[in-house]
Protein backbone atom coordinates (compact mmCIF):
# COMPACT_ATOMS: atom_id res chain seq x y z
CA UNK A 1 70.45 -235.59 -114.71
CA UNK A 2 71.15 -236.36 -118.36
CA UNK A 3 73.47 -233.46 -119.13
CA UNK A 4 77.23 -233.47 -118.60
CA UNK A 5 77.54 -231.79 -115.20
CA UNK A 6 81.21 -231.04 -115.90
CA UNK A 7 80.62 -229.30 -119.22
CA UNK A 8 81.26 -225.79 -117.87
CA UNK A 9 83.35 -226.75 -114.83
CA UNK A 10 86.90 -225.42 -114.65
CA UNK A 11 87.42 -225.61 -110.89
CA UNK A 12 86.01 -228.32 -108.65
CA UNK A 13 86.12 -228.81 -104.88
CA UNK A 14 85.78 -232.36 -103.50
CA UNK A 15 85.19 -232.81 -99.77
CA UNK A 16 86.14 -236.14 -98.16
CA UNK A 17 84.74 -237.03 -94.74
CA UNK A 18 86.52 -238.95 -91.99
CA UNK A 19 84.32 -242.02 -92.48
CA UNK A 20 85.23 -242.06 -96.18
CA UNK A 21 88.99 -241.53 -96.01
CA UNK A 22 89.50 -244.06 -93.16
CA UNK A 23 88.63 -247.76 -93.05
CA UNK A 24 86.90 -249.84 -90.39
CA UNK A 25 90.21 -250.43 -88.58
CA UNK A 26 90.92 -246.72 -88.33
CA UNK A 27 93.62 -246.69 -90.99
CA UNK A 28 93.61 -244.97 -94.37
CA UNK A 29 91.13 -246.33 -96.91
CA UNK A 30 93.81 -247.21 -99.48
CA UNK A 31 91.54 -248.41 -102.30
CA UNK A 32 89.35 -245.31 -102.07
CA UNK A 33 92.36 -242.99 -101.93
CA UNK A 34 93.90 -244.62 -105.00
CA UNK A 35 90.65 -244.20 -106.93
CA UNK A 36 90.28 -240.61 -105.75
CA UNK A 37 93.77 -239.70 -106.95
CA UNK A 38 93.15 -241.35 -110.30
CA UNK A 39 89.88 -239.43 -110.57
CA UNK A 40 91.64 -236.13 -109.90
CA UNK A 41 94.19 -237.01 -112.58
CA UNK A 42 91.48 -237.78 -115.14
CA UNK A 43 89.62 -234.57 -114.26
CA UNK A 44 92.86 -232.63 -114.75
CA UNK A 45 93.11 -234.14 -118.21
CA UNK A 46 89.67 -232.68 -118.93
CA UNK A 47 90.99 -229.26 -117.96
CA UNK A 48 89.36 -229.28 -114.51
CA UNK A 49 91.48 -228.15 -111.54
CA UNK A 50 90.57 -230.01 -108.36
CA UNK A 51 90.92 -228.92 -104.73
CA UNK A 52 90.44 -231.59 -102.07
CA UNK A 53 89.07 -230.69 -98.64
CA UNK A 54 89.90 -233.68 -96.48
CA UNK A 55 89.00 -234.67 -92.96
CA UNK A 56 90.77 -237.57 -91.26
CA UNK A 57 93.58 -236.06 -89.21
CA UNK A 58 91.91 -236.60 -85.85
CA UNK A 59 90.62 -240.02 -86.91
CA UNK A 60 94.13 -241.17 -87.78
CA UNK A 61 95.83 -239.38 -84.91
CA UNK A 62 93.80 -240.71 -82.01
CA UNK A 63 94.66 -244.29 -82.97
CA UNK A 64 98.31 -243.41 -83.47
CA UNK A 65 98.34 -241.99 -79.94
CA UNK A 66 96.35 -244.98 -78.64
CA UNK A 67 93.52 -242.82 -77.28
CA UNK A 68 89.95 -243.88 -76.64
CA UNK A 69 86.73 -242.34 -77.96
CA UNK A 70 85.11 -240.01 -77.29
CA UNK A 71 88.03 -237.62 -77.08
CA UNK A 72 87.47 -235.71 -73.84
CA UNK A 73 88.51 -232.14 -74.63
CA UNK A 74 89.93 -229.71 -77.17
CA UNK A 75 93.62 -230.19 -76.21
CA UNK A 76 93.24 -233.95 -76.81
CA UNK A 77 91.65 -233.25 -80.20
CA UNK A 78 94.47 -230.83 -80.97
CA UNK A 79 97.03 -233.48 -80.07
CA UNK A 80 95.26 -236.05 -82.23
CA UNK A 81 95.14 -233.61 -85.15
CA UNK A 82 98.82 -232.76 -84.74
CA UNK A 83 99.75 -236.45 -84.84
CA UNK A 84 97.32 -237.39 -87.59
CA UNK A 85 97.74 -234.52 -90.07
CA UNK A 86 101.29 -235.44 -91.21
CA UNK A 87 100.18 -239.06 -91.54
CA UNK A 88 97.15 -238.04 -93.60
CA UNK A 89 99.25 -235.86 -95.89
CA UNK A 90 101.90 -238.56 -96.33
CA UNK A 91 99.23 -240.86 -97.75
CA UNK A 92 97.96 -238.18 -100.14
CA UNK A 93 101.43 -237.16 -101.29
CA UNK A 94 102.52 -240.76 -101.83
CA UNK A 95 99.40 -241.72 -103.79
CA UNK A 96 99.38 -238.60 -105.97
CA UNK A 97 103.10 -239.05 -106.67
CA UNK A 98 102.35 -242.48 -108.18
CA UNK A 99 100.36 -240.79 -110.94
CA UNK A 100 102.71 -237.85 -111.38
CA UNK A 101 100.78 -235.15 -109.53
CA UNK A 102 102.25 -232.99 -106.75
CA UNK A 103 100.07 -232.34 -103.68
CA UNK A 104 100.28 -229.49 -101.17
CA UNK A 105 98.91 -228.97 -97.68
CA UNK A 106 96.76 -225.94 -96.82
CA UNK A 107 95.57 -225.55 -93.21
CA UNK A 108 92.92 -222.90 -92.61
CA UNK A 109 91.03 -221.41 -89.68
CA UNK A 110 87.94 -219.21 -89.70
CA UNK A 111 90.13 -216.20 -88.98
CA UNK A 112 91.67 -216.63 -92.43
CA UNK A 113 88.26 -215.85 -93.92
CA UNK A 114 87.51 -212.98 -91.56
CA UNK A 115 90.75 -211.07 -92.09
CA UNK A 116 90.85 -209.52 -95.57
CA UNK A 117 94.61 -209.80 -96.04
CA UNK A 118 94.73 -213.43 -94.91
CA UNK A 119 91.68 -214.17 -97.08
CA UNK A 120 93.40 -212.79 -100.16
CA UNK A 121 96.64 -214.58 -99.35
CA UNK A 122 94.80 -217.90 -98.95
CA UNK A 123 92.95 -217.35 -102.22
CA UNK A 124 96.08 -216.46 -104.15
CA UNK A 125 98.02 -219.39 -102.71
CA UNK A 126 95.30 -221.85 -103.70
CA UNK A 127 94.89 -220.38 -107.18
CA UNK A 128 98.65 -220.41 -107.75
CA UNK A 129 98.87 -224.07 -106.69
CA UNK A 130 96.09 -224.95 -109.13
CA UNK A 131 97.79 -222.96 -111.89
CA UNK A 132 101.01 -224.90 -111.26
CA UNK A 133 99.18 -228.22 -111.63
CA UNK A 134 99.36 -229.03 -107.93
CA UNK A 135 96.50 -230.57 -105.93
CA UNK A 136 95.75 -228.55 -102.76
CA UNK A 137 94.72 -230.72 -99.80
CA UNK A 138 92.81 -228.43 -97.43
CA UNK A 139 91.91 -229.14 -93.83
CA UNK A 140 90.91 -227.08 -90.84
CA UNK A 141 93.90 -226.27 -88.67
CA UNK A 142 92.64 -228.38 -85.77
CA UNK A 143 95.94 -228.09 -83.92
CA UNK A 144 95.09 -224.48 -83.00
CA UNK A 145 91.28 -224.63 -83.03
CA UNK A 146 89.25 -223.14 -80.24
CA UNK A 147 85.49 -222.73 -80.06
CA UNK A 148 85.64 -219.14 -81.25
CA UNK A 149 87.51 -219.83 -84.49
CA UNK A 150 86.65 -223.38 -85.57
CA UNK A 151 84.42 -224.00 -88.58
CA UNK A 152 82.60 -226.78 -86.77
CA UNK A 153 83.01 -229.24 -89.63
CA UNK A 154 84.76 -229.57 -92.95
CA UNK A 155 81.46 -229.38 -94.84
CA UNK A 156 81.25 -225.71 -93.95
CA UNK A 157 84.95 -225.28 -94.69
CA UNK A 158 84.55 -226.86 -98.14
CA UNK A 159 81.70 -224.47 -98.96
CA UNK A 160 83.79 -221.47 -97.99
CA UNK A 161 86.78 -222.78 -99.97
CA UNK A 162 84.48 -223.25 -102.97
CA UNK A 163 83.56 -219.58 -102.78
CA UNK A 164 87.13 -218.55 -102.00
CA UNK A 165 88.50 -219.87 -105.29
CA UNK A 166 85.35 -219.25 -107.37
CA UNK A 167 84.91 -222.95 -108.07
CA UNK A 168 82.13 -224.13 -110.36
CA UNK A 169 80.97 -227.16 -108.36
CA UNK A 170 81.23 -228.62 -104.85
CA UNK A 171 81.10 -232.41 -104.41
CA UNK A 172 80.47 -233.67 -100.88
CA UNK A 173 81.39 -237.34 -100.53
CA UNK A 174 79.83 -239.00 -97.51
CA UNK A 175 78.80 -242.41 -96.14
CA UNK A 176 75.20 -242.37 -97.43
CA UNK A 177 73.86 -242.64 -100.96
CA UNK A 178 72.03 -239.31 -101.09
CA UNK A 179 69.80 -236.83 -99.28
CA UNK A 180 66.49 -238.46 -98.26
CA UNK A 181 63.02 -236.97 -97.84
CA UNK A 182 62.93 -238.49 -94.32
CA UNK A 183 65.39 -240.09 -91.92
CA UNK A 184 66.12 -243.49 -93.56
CA UNK A 185 67.14 -244.93 -90.19
CA UNK A 186 63.69 -244.24 -88.77
CA UNK A 187 61.42 -244.35 -91.80
CA UNK A 188 61.46 -247.42 -94.05
CA UNK A 189 59.59 -245.47 -96.74
CA UNK A 190 62.19 -242.72 -97.01
CA UNK A 191 63.14 -241.93 -100.61
CA UNK A 192 66.45 -240.65 -101.94
CA UNK A 193 66.21 -237.24 -103.60
CA UNK A 194 68.04 -236.98 -106.90
CA UNK A 195 67.45 -233.24 -107.22
CA UNK A 196 66.84 -230.36 -104.80
CA UNK A 197 65.96 -226.97 -106.24
CA UNK A 198 66.06 -225.19 -102.88
CA UNK A 199 67.11 -226.20 -99.38
CA UNK A 200 64.16 -225.60 -97.09
CA UNK A 201 63.99 -225.42 -93.31
CA UNK A 202 62.00 -228.66 -93.38
CA UNK A 203 64.90 -230.47 -95.03
CA UNK A 204 67.35 -229.02 -92.51
CA UNK A 205 65.16 -230.00 -89.56
CA UNK A 206 64.97 -233.66 -90.55
CA UNK A 207 68.66 -234.02 -91.42
CA UNK A 208 70.87 -235.99 -89.03
CA UNK A 209 73.95 -234.89 -87.13
CA UNK A 210 77.46 -236.34 -87.35
CA UNK A 211 79.07 -239.32 -85.66
CA UNK A 212 81.71 -239.63 -82.95
CA UNK A 213 84.70 -238.67 -85.11
CA UNK A 214 83.08 -236.72 -87.91
CA UNK A 215 81.67 -233.39 -86.73
CA UNK A 216 79.38 -233.13 -89.74
CA UNK A 217 76.22 -234.96 -90.70
CA UNK A 218 73.60 -234.49 -93.39
CA UNK A 219 72.46 -231.32 -91.63
CA UNK A 220 75.91 -229.75 -92.03
CA UNK A 221 76.12 -230.90 -95.63
CA UNK A 222 72.82 -229.24 -96.47
CA UNK A 223 73.99 -226.06 -94.75
CA UNK A 224 77.18 -226.20 -96.83
CA UNK A 225 75.14 -226.70 -100.00
CA UNK A 226 72.97 -223.73 -99.03
CA UNK A 227 76.10 -221.61 -98.64
CA UNK A 228 77.41 -222.56 -102.07
CA UNK A 229 73.94 -222.05 -103.56
CA UNK A 230 74.02 -218.50 -102.21
CA UNK A 231 77.40 -218.11 -103.92
CA UNK A 232 75.71 -219.16 -107.17
CA UNK A 233 77.44 -222.57 -107.19
CA UNK A 234 75.72 -226.01 -107.27
CA UNK A 235 76.53 -228.94 -105.00
CA UNK A 236 76.43 -232.72 -105.40
CA UNK A 237 76.08 -234.92 -102.29
CA UNK A 238 76.87 -238.57 -102.90
CA UNK A 239 78.36 -241.71 -101.37
CA UNK A 240 82.13 -241.70 -101.23
CA UNK A 241 82.94 -244.82 -103.24
CA UNK A 242 84.52 -245.86 -106.54
CA UNK A 243 81.21 -245.86 -108.36
CA UNK A 244 80.59 -242.20 -107.57
CA UNK A 245 84.11 -241.20 -108.58
CA UNK A 246 83.85 -243.06 -111.87
CA UNK A 247 80.50 -241.44 -112.59
CA UNK A 248 81.94 -238.04 -111.74
CA UNK A 249 84.69 -238.42 -114.32
CA UNK A 250 82.01 -239.32 -116.84
CA UNK A 251 80.17 -236.10 -115.99
CA UNK A 252 77.18 -237.89 -114.47
CA UNK A 253 75.38 -236.76 -111.33
CA UNK A 254 75.11 -239.25 -108.48
CA UNK A 255 73.31 -238.98 -105.19
CA UNK A 256 71.63 -235.60 -104.85
CA UNK A 257 72.14 -232.56 -107.04
CA UNK A 258 71.42 -229.20 -105.40
CA UNK A 259 70.86 -226.19 -107.62
CA UNK A 260 72.60 -222.85 -107.25
CA UNK A 261 70.31 -220.08 -106.06
CA UNK A 262 71.17 -217.94 -109.08
CA UNK A 263 73.84 -217.27 -111.64
CA UNK A 264 77.21 -217.12 -109.87
CA UNK A 265 78.31 -213.84 -111.45
CA UNK A 266 74.98 -212.20 -110.63
CA UNK A 267 75.32 -213.42 -107.05
CA UNK A 268 78.88 -212.05 -106.78
CA UNK A 269 77.91 -208.72 -108.32
CA UNK A 270 74.99 -208.40 -105.91
CA UNK A 271 77.31 -209.13 -102.98
CA UNK A 272 79.72 -206.43 -104.15
CA UNK A 273 76.88 -203.98 -104.78
CA UNK A 274 74.91 -204.46 -101.56
CA UNK A 275 76.87 -206.25 -98.85
CA UNK A 276 79.95 -204.06 -98.47
CA UNK A 277 80.66 -200.40 -97.75
CA UNK A 278 83.32 -198.61 -99.84
CA UNK A 279 86.48 -197.74 -97.94
CA UNK A 280 87.88 -195.32 -100.49
CA UNK A 281 87.81 -194.43 -104.16
CA UNK A 282 89.71 -194.59 -107.44
CA UNK A 283 89.42 -191.80 -110.02
CA UNK A 284 89.61 -192.75 -113.71
CA UNK A 285 90.19 -190.83 -116.93
CA UNK A 286 87.82 -190.66 -119.90
CA UNK A 287 89.43 -193.57 -121.71
CA UNK A 288 89.01 -195.83 -118.71
CA UNK A 289 85.45 -194.55 -118.23
CA UNK A 290 84.53 -195.67 -121.74
CA UNK A 291 86.33 -199.00 -121.32
CA UNK A 292 84.43 -199.71 -118.09
CA UNK A 293 80.98 -198.39 -119.00
CA UNK A 294 80.79 -199.22 -122.69
CA UNK A 295 82.99 -202.29 -123.14
CA UNK A 296 82.86 -204.01 -119.72
CA UNK A 297 86.64 -204.02 -119.30
CA UNK A 298 88.75 -204.29 -116.17
CA UNK A 299 90.27 -201.18 -114.64
CA UNK A 300 93.97 -201.02 -115.52
CA UNK A 301 96.60 -198.75 -113.93
CA UNK A 302 96.91 -196.75 -117.15
CA UNK A 303 93.37 -195.39 -116.70
CA UNK A 304 93.75 -194.25 -113.09
CA UNK A 305 94.45 -190.59 -112.34
CA UNK A 306 93.97 -190.49 -108.56
CA UNK A 307 92.51 -191.97 -105.39
CA UNK A 308 90.17 -190.93 -102.59
CA UNK A 309 90.88 -191.88 -98.96
CA UNK A 310 92.87 -194.81 -97.66
CA UNK A 311 92.17 -198.50 -98.26
CA UNK A 312 93.89 -201.86 -98.08
CA UNK A 313 94.32 -204.41 -100.82
CA UNK A 314 91.02 -206.25 -101.28
CA UNK A 315 88.90 -203.35 -100.02
CA UNK A 316 85.74 -202.22 -101.79
CA UNK A 317 86.33 -198.88 -103.50
CA UNK A 318 84.11 -196.51 -105.44
CA UNK A 319 85.13 -195.91 -109.03
CA UNK A 320 84.71 -192.25 -109.91
CA UNK A 321 84.99 -190.25 -113.12
CA UNK A 322 87.26 -187.22 -113.33
CA UNK A 323 84.49 -184.94 -112.00
CA UNK A 324 84.05 -187.08 -108.89
CA UNK A 325 80.81 -188.80 -109.89
CA UNK A 326 80.60 -192.45 -108.78
CA UNK A 327 80.15 -194.78 -111.75
CA UNK A 328 80.53 -198.06 -109.89
CA UNK A 329 82.42 -199.98 -107.24
CA UNK A 330 84.79 -202.90 -107.06
CA UNK A 331 87.40 -204.80 -105.06
CA UNK A 332 90.84 -203.22 -105.41
CA UNK A 333 93.79 -205.55 -105.90
CA UNK A 334 96.14 -202.84 -104.65
CA UNK A 335 96.17 -200.58 -101.58
CA UNK A 336 95.89 -196.79 -101.50
CA UNK A 337 99.67 -196.72 -100.99
CA UNK A 338 100.31 -198.69 -104.17
CA UNK A 339 97.72 -197.28 -106.57
CA UNK A 340 99.22 -193.74 -106.87
CA UNK A 341 102.63 -195.26 -107.60
CA UNK A 342 101.36 -197.25 -110.58
CA UNK A 343 98.62 -194.86 -111.75
CA UNK A 344 99.02 -193.99 -115.43
CA UNK A 345 101.52 -196.80 -116.00
CA UNK A 346 101.30 -199.87 -118.19
CA UNK A 347 100.41 -203.10 -116.37
CA UNK A 348 103.75 -204.62 -117.35
CA UNK A 349 105.51 -201.94 -115.28
CA UNK A 350 103.81 -202.87 -111.99
CA UNK A 351 106.47 -205.33 -110.83
CA UNK A 352 109.37 -203.03 -111.64
CA UNK A 353 107.71 -200.13 -109.79
CA UNK A 354 106.37 -201.96 -106.71
CA UNK A 355 108.73 -204.94 -106.62
CA UNK A 356 105.74 -207.31 -106.73
CA UNK A 357 102.43 -207.73 -108.49
CA UNK A 358 98.94 -208.93 -107.56
CA UNK A 359 97.78 -208.93 -111.17
CA UNK A 360 97.53 -206.60 -114.15
CA UNK A 361 94.31 -204.91 -113.03
CA UNK A 362 93.52 -202.44 -110.28
CA UNK A 363 89.98 -203.84 -110.27
CA UNK A 364 89.10 -206.94 -112.28
CA UNK A 365 85.81 -206.86 -114.19
CA UNK A 366 84.56 -209.91 -112.24
CA UNK A 367 85.03 -207.92 -109.01
CA UNK A 368 83.25 -204.82 -110.29
CA UNK A 369 79.75 -203.38 -110.59
CA UNK A 370 79.43 -200.52 -113.08
CA UNK A 371 76.49 -198.21 -113.85
CA UNK A 372 76.55 -198.06 -117.64
CA UNK A 373 73.66 -195.62 -117.93
CA UNK A 374 75.63 -192.45 -117.29
CA UNK A 375 77.09 -190.12 -119.90
CA UNK A 376 80.79 -189.54 -120.38
CA UNK A 377 81.73 -186.53 -118.29
């Protein structure tokens, strides 16, 4: 691709696999890690906030505990993760400190994405870290994983994190150059694909599975790319080496570029419009009606005159005019207990009234779908 792939990127997620972050002796790949940290620093200088999703805890931990592969059961994997995760983070923290960047650990399980409150807390923690100039290092919380809650691999986790923070691009760094049109280990005529417009079932069927330590393979990476495509976010799959990182800083695509299914905002609006059921409602005055329907603004506390039903923070609510007609829907940043307390107030008063704040808006315009065809009631 000739264009600068980073031109419109403000948030970037980079996923590092176990085979990339560790060397052939089972230790940390120091040269790669140093280059990665320098790359993150240079991307920060371009105004791009980077979140790293990193495997490697089990790979480092099993050697520290002098265990043999394959690891026999989940408790042994949990023990390896518990031993390896602090070691993995110590390497990241030390290397980022050399270039003046703080790093923070975020451990996530699938339950954090399934529970709305935990989902919002994880999102806000990550976004605050990025705002403070810190590099989040995300990993699955393998020390507590069980079959019912594990992601299965960090490729899937990285896709969900990409959607969680509304990133603009996911980069999956792996141990192969690109996605191929056939299994390169079995077919000598297999060709690397530089661009994939859509991930088909045929591509998924021919993709390989992961190795002994890494739970992912090309199949899981394509599934992750399909997830981000559905979010309206593109993915790049490339070899995890210095060349790729240098090209990334230059804004050049390496390996395989996978298109987003559609515009990210359209995708998000469609999800809000069709995939959720409202749990309550917020009633707005005429001024807020005009701001929402005519000027595409966010819904502020000053324009709210009442609520309908009960709902938690993060719930989908209907937005109604003063006569009770639904004019749209959106994700509320405040619960039904909080909204009446701040209704009619200026956004700057939220903290003094509630003792905390989740933002200036009741519903942000990016989390809202409005029918602008109605008349002012």
